[in-house]
Amino acid sequence: MDESCEHIKQVTEIKEPNGYVCEECVKVGGSWLHLRTCQTCGATLCCDSSPAKHASAHYHATQHPVVISAEPGEQWFWCFKDEAFGEY
């Protein structure tokens, strides 16, 4: 883990995805490739490899910096603000 990222260090309880869908893509009939779950509010949104890049848009709109992978079997964090990666 990137020990310099205070945002990742502040995550004390993992917010798991509520389901395997991008909440914003569902609203507009979009599609996604991979999903991420915001560790501030729990929203599950699509990654930057997906057409709409809702997770990044969520960060820019809310300043919620840390997401986890919502992909089954993956256990990692990403901090948008610090561009830091960590595993849990």
N, C-alpha and C. Protein backbone atom coordinates (compact mmCIF):
# COMPACT_ATOMS: atom_id res chain seq x y z
N MET A 1 0.84 -1.17 0.00
CA MET A 1 0.00 0.00 0.00
C MET A 1 0.89 1.24 0.00
N ASP A 2 0.39 2.29 -0.64
CA ASP A 2 1.11 3.57 -0.62
C ASP A 2 0.92 4.18 0.76
N GLU A 3 1.94 4.11 1.59
CA GLU A 3 1.86 4.58 2.97
C GLU A 3 1.70 6.09 3.09
N SER A 4 1.91 6.82 1.99
CA SER A 4 1.81 8.28 2.05
C SER A 4 0.38 8.78 1.87
N CYS A 5 -0.55 7.92 1.51
CA CYS A 5 -1.92 8.35 1.25
C CYS A 5 -2.76 8.36 2.52
N GLU A 6 -3.00 9.54 3.03
CA GLU A 6 -3.81 9.68 4.25
C GLU A 6 -5.27 9.31 4.00
N HIS A 7 -5.76 9.48 2.78
CA HIS A 7 -7.16 9.17 2.49
C HIS A 7 -7.43 7.68 2.63
N ILE A 8 -6.53 6.85 2.10
CA ILE A 8 -6.69 5.40 2.23
C ILE A 8 -6.56 5.00 3.70
N LYS A 9 -5.62 5.59 4.42
CA LYS A 9 -5.44 5.27 5.84
C LYS A 9 -6.69 5.57 6.66
N GLN A 10 -7.48 6.55 6.22
CA GLN A 10 -8.68 6.94 6.97
C GLN A 10 -9.85 5.98 6.79
N VAL A 11 -9.77 5.06 5.83
CA VAL A 11 -10.84 4.08 5.64
C VAL A 11 -10.69 3.02 6.73
N THR A 12 -11.64 2.99 7.66
CA THR A 12 -11.56 2.05 8.77
C THR A 12 -12.56 0.89 8.63
N GLU A 13 -13.59 1.09 7.83
CA GLU A 13 -14.59 0.04 7.59
C GLU A 13 -14.94 0.06 6.11
N ILE A 14 -14.76 -1.06 5.44
CA ILE A 14 -15.00 -1.15 4.01
C ILE A 14 -16.48 -1.08 3.70
N LYS A 15 -16.86 -0.17 2.80
CA LYS A 15 -18.22 -0.11 2.29
C LYS A 15 -18.28 -1.03 1.07
N GLU A 16 -18.98 -2.14 1.21
CA GLU A 16 -19.10 -3.12 0.13
C GLU A 16 -20.17 -2.67 -0.87
N PRO A 17 -20.07 -3.11 -2.12
CA PRO A 17 -21.10 -2.76 -3.11
C PRO A 17 -22.45 -3.34 -2.74
N ASN A 18 -23.51 -2.59 -3.04
CA ASN A 18 -24.87 -3.06 -2.76
C ASN A 18 -25.36 -4.02 -3.83
N GLY A 19 -24.72 -4.01 -4.97
CA GLY A 19 -25.08 -4.89 -6.07
C GLY A 19 -24.05 -4.73 -7.17
N TYR A 20 -24.14 -5.55 -8.18
CA TYR A 20 -23.15 -5.50 -9.25
C TYR A 20 -23.70 -4.71 -10.44
N VAL A 21 -24.00 -3.44 -10.19
CA VAL A 21 -24.46 -2.53 -11.24
C VAL A 21 -23.89 -1.14 -10.99
N CYS A 22 -23.69 -0.39 -12.07
CA CYS A 22 -23.35 1.03 -11.93
C CYS A 22 -24.65 1.79 -11.74
N GLU A 23 -24.78 2.45 -10.60
CA GLU A 23 -26.01 3.15 -10.27
C GLU A 23 -26.38 4.20 -11.31
N GLU A 24 -25.39 4.90 -11.87
CA GLU A 24 -25.66 5.95 -12.85
C GLU A 24 -25.93 5.38 -14.23
N CYS A 25 -25.22 4.33 -14.63
CA CYS A 25 -25.49 3.70 -15.93
C CYS A 25 -26.90 3.14 -15.98
N VAL A 26 -27.36 2.57 -14.88
CA VAL A 26 -28.72 2.03 -14.84
C VAL A 26 -29.74 3.13 -15.11
N LYS A 27 -29.51 4.32 -14.56
CA LYS A 27 -30.44 5.45 -14.75
C LYS A 27 -30.55 5.88 -16.21
N VAL A 28 -29.46 5.77 -16.97
CA VAL A 28 -29.45 6.27 -18.34
C VAL A 28 -29.38 5.16 -19.40
N GLY A 29 -29.46 3.92 -18.96
CA GLY A 29 -29.40 2.80 -19.90
C GLY A 29 -28.02 2.56 -20.47
N GLY A 30 -26.99 2.93 -19.71
CA GLY A 30 -25.61 2.75 -20.16
C GLY A 30 -25.06 1.39 -19.81
N SER A 31 -23.81 1.18 -20.17
CA SER A 31 -23.14 -0.08 -19.87
C SER A 31 -21.82 0.20 -19.18
N TRP A 32 -21.28 -0.81 -18.53
CA TRP A 32 -20.04 -0.65 -17.80
C TRP A 32 -19.14 -1.86 -18.02
N LEU A 33 -17.86 -1.65 -17.71
CA LEU A 33 -16.88 -2.72 -17.83
C LEU A 33 -16.53 -3.26 -16.45
N HIS A 34 -16.08 -2.39 -15.54
CA HIS A 34 -15.74 -2.76 -14.17
C HIS A 34 -16.38 -1.76 -13.22
N LEU A 35 -16.54 -2.17 -11.97
CA LEU A 35 -17.22 -1.31 -10.99
C LEU A 35 -16.31 -0.96 -9.83
N ARG A 36 -16.56 0.22 -9.24
CA ARG A 36 -15.84 0.72 -8.07
C ARG A 36 -16.87 1.20 -7.06
N THR A 37 -16.55 1.07 -5.76
CA THR A 37 -17.46 1.53 -4.71
C THR A 37 -16.79 2.63 -3.91
N CYS A 38 -17.46 3.77 -3.82
CA CYS A 38 -16.96 4.93 -3.07
C CYS A 38 -16.90 4.59 -1.59
N GLN A 39 -15.78 4.89 -0.95
CA GLN A 39 -15.62 4.59 0.46
C GLN A 39 -16.08 5.73 1.36
N THR A 40 -16.59 6.81 0.79
CA THR A 40 -17.20 7.87 1.57
C THR A 40 -18.70 7.66 1.68
N CYS A 41 -19.37 7.42 0.53
CA CYS A 41 -20.84 7.34 0.53
C CYS A 41 -21.40 5.98 0.13
N GLY A 42 -20.56 5.08 -0.38
CA GLY A 42 -21.03 3.75 -0.74
C GLY A 42 -21.59 3.60 -2.14
N ALA A 43 -21.57 4.65 -2.96
CA ALA A 43 -22.08 4.55 -4.33
C ALA A 43 -21.21 3.59 -5.14
N THR A 44 -21.84 2.73 -5.94
CA THR A 44 -21.12 1.83 -6.83
C THR A 44 -21.29 2.34 -8.25
N LEU A 45 -20.14 2.60 -8.89
CA LEU A 45 -20.12 3.28 -10.19
C LEU A 45 -19.08 2.65 -11.10
N CYS A 46 -19.16 2.96 -12.39
CA CYS A 46 -18.27 2.34 -13.37
C CYS A 46 -16.89 3.01 -13.41
N CYS A 47 -15.92 2.21 -13.84
CA CYS A 47 -14.51 2.61 -13.88
C CYS A 47 -14.18 3.45 -15.11
N ASP A 48 -12.93 3.89 -15.19
CA ASP A 48 -12.48 4.72 -16.32
C ASP A 48 -12.35 3.94 -17.63
N SER A 49 -12.39 2.62 -17.58
CA SER A 49 -12.40 1.83 -18.81
C SER A 49 -13.81 1.71 -19.38
N SER A 50 -14.80 2.13 -18.62
CA SER A 50 -16.19 2.11 -19.05
C SER A 50 -16.50 3.41 -19.81
N PRO A 51 -17.48 3.38 -20.70
CA PRO A 51 -17.77 4.58 -21.52
C PRO A 51 -18.05 5.85 -20.72
N ALA A 52 -18.80 5.78 -19.64
CA ALA A 52 -19.22 6.99 -18.93
C ALA A 52 -18.28 7.41 -17.80
N LYS A 53 -17.41 6.53 -17.34
CA LYS A 53 -16.43 6.86 -16.29
C LYS A 53 -17.11 7.52 -15.07
N HIS A 54 -18.19 6.91 -14.58
CA HIS A 54 -18.96 7.51 -13.50
C HIS A 54 -18.20 7.61 -12.18
N ALA A 55 -17.30 6.68 -11.87
CA ALA A 55 -16.55 6.76 -10.60
C ALA A 55 -15.68 8.01 -10.58
N SER A 56 -14.98 8.28 -11.67
CA SER A 56 -14.15 9.50 -11.75
C SER A 56 -15.02 10.76 -11.69
N ALA A 57 -16.14 10.73 -12.40
CA ALA A 57 -17.05 11.88 -12.38
C ALA A 57 -17.56 12.13 -10.97
N HIS A 58 -17.85 11.04 -10.25
CA HIS A 58 -18.31 11.16 -8.86
C HIS A 58 -17.24 11.83 -8.00
N TYR A 59 -15.99 11.41 -8.17
CA TYR A 59 -14.90 12.05 -7.41
C TYR A 59 -14.83 13.54 -7.72
N HIS A 60 -14.88 13.92 -8.98
CA HIS A 60 -14.77 15.33 -9.35
C HIS A 60 -15.96 16.15 -8.84
N ALA A 61 -17.13 15.54 -8.77
CA ALA A 61 -18.32 16.25 -8.29
C ALA A 61 -18.39 16.34 -6.78
N THR A 62 -17.86 15.33 -6.07
CA THR A 62 -18.04 15.25 -4.62
C THR A 62 -16.77 15.41 -3.81
N GLN A 63 -15.62 15.19 -4.46
CA GLN A 63 -14.33 15.14 -3.78
C GLN A 63 -14.21 13.95 -2.82
N HIS A 64 -15.00 12.90 -3.03
CA HIS A 64 -14.84 11.65 -2.28
C HIS A 64 -13.66 10.92 -2.90
N PRO A 65 -12.51 10.83 -2.22
CA PRO A 65 -11.28 10.41 -2.88
C PRO A 65 -11.06 8.91 -3.08
N VAL A 66 -11.59 8.05 -2.20
CA VAL A 66 -11.19 6.64 -2.21
C VAL A 66 -12.32 5.73 -2.68
N VAL A 67 -11.97 4.83 -3.59
CA VAL A 67 -12.88 3.77 -4.03
C VAL A 67 -12.20 2.43 -3.81
N ILE A 68 -13.02 1.39 -3.76
CA ILE A 68 -12.49 0.02 -3.82
C ILE A 68 -12.97 -0.59 -5.12
N SER A 69 -12.29 -1.65 -5.55
CA SER A 69 -12.80 -2.43 -6.65
C SER A 69 -14.04 -3.17 -6.16
N ALA A 70 -15.10 -3.12 -6.95
CA ALA A 70 -16.31 -3.88 -6.62
C ALA A 70 -16.34 -5.21 -7.38
N GLU A 71 -15.21 -5.55 -8.00
CA GLU A 71 -15.12 -6.79 -8.75
C GLU A 71 -14.92 -7.97 -7.80
N PRO A 72 -15.65 -9.05 -8.00
CA PRO A 72 -15.49 -10.23 -7.14
C PRO A 72 -14.03 -10.71 -7.10
N GLY A 73 -13.54 -10.97 -5.91
CA GLY A 73 -12.19 -11.48 -5.73
C GLY A 73 -11.10 -10.42 -5.67
N GLU A 74 -11.41 -9.16 -5.98
CA GLU A 74 -10.41 -8.10 -5.92
C GLU A 74 -10.55 -7.34 -4.60
N GLN A 75 -9.43 -7.02 -3.98
CA GLN A 75 -9.45 -6.30 -2.69
C GLN A 75 -8.41 -5.19 -2.72
N TRP A 76 -8.76 -4.11 -3.42
CA TRP A 76 -7.83 -2.99 -3.47
C TRP A 76 -8.55 -1.65 -3.43
N PHE A 77 -7.80 -0.65 -2.98
CA PHE A 77 -8.25 0.74 -2.91
C PHE A 77 -7.61 1.53 -4.05
N TRP A 78 -8.25 2.61 -4.46
CA TRP A 78 -7.63 3.62 -5.31
C TRP A 78 -8.03 4.98 -4.75
N CYS A 79 -7.05 5.85 -4.59
CA CYS A 79 -7.31 7.23 -4.18
C CYS A 79 -7.15 8.12 -5.39
N PHE A 80 -8.24 8.73 -5.83
CA PHE A 80 -8.19 9.63 -6.98
C PHE A 80 -7.31 10.84 -6.70
N LYS A 81 -7.43 11.41 -5.51
CA LYS A 81 -6.71 12.64 -5.19
C LYS A 81 -5.19 12.43 -5.23
N ASP A 82 -4.71 11.39 -4.59
CA ASP A 82 -3.27 11.14 -4.50
C ASP A 82 -2.76 10.17 -5.57
N GLU A 83 -3.67 9.63 -6.40
CA GLU A 83 -3.31 8.61 -7.37
C GLU A 83 -2.52 7.49 -6.70
N ALA A 84 -3.08 7.01 -5.59
CA ALA A 84 -2.43 5.99 -4.77
C ALA A 84 -3.26 4.71 -4.78
N PHE A 85 -2.55 3.60 -4.75
CA PHE A 85 -3.14 2.26 -4.78
C PHE A 85 -2.80 1.55 -3.47
N GLY A 86 -3.72 0.73 -2.97
CA GLY A 86 -3.43 -0.08 -1.80
C GLY A 86 -4.31 -1.32 -1.80
N GLU A 87 -3.84 -2.35 -1.15
CA GLU A 87 -4.62 -3.59 -1.01
C GLU A 87 -5.10 -3.73 0.42
N TYR A 88 -6.18 -4.47 0.59
CA TYR A 88 -6.68 -4.76 1.94
C TYR A 88 -7.00 -6.22 2.10
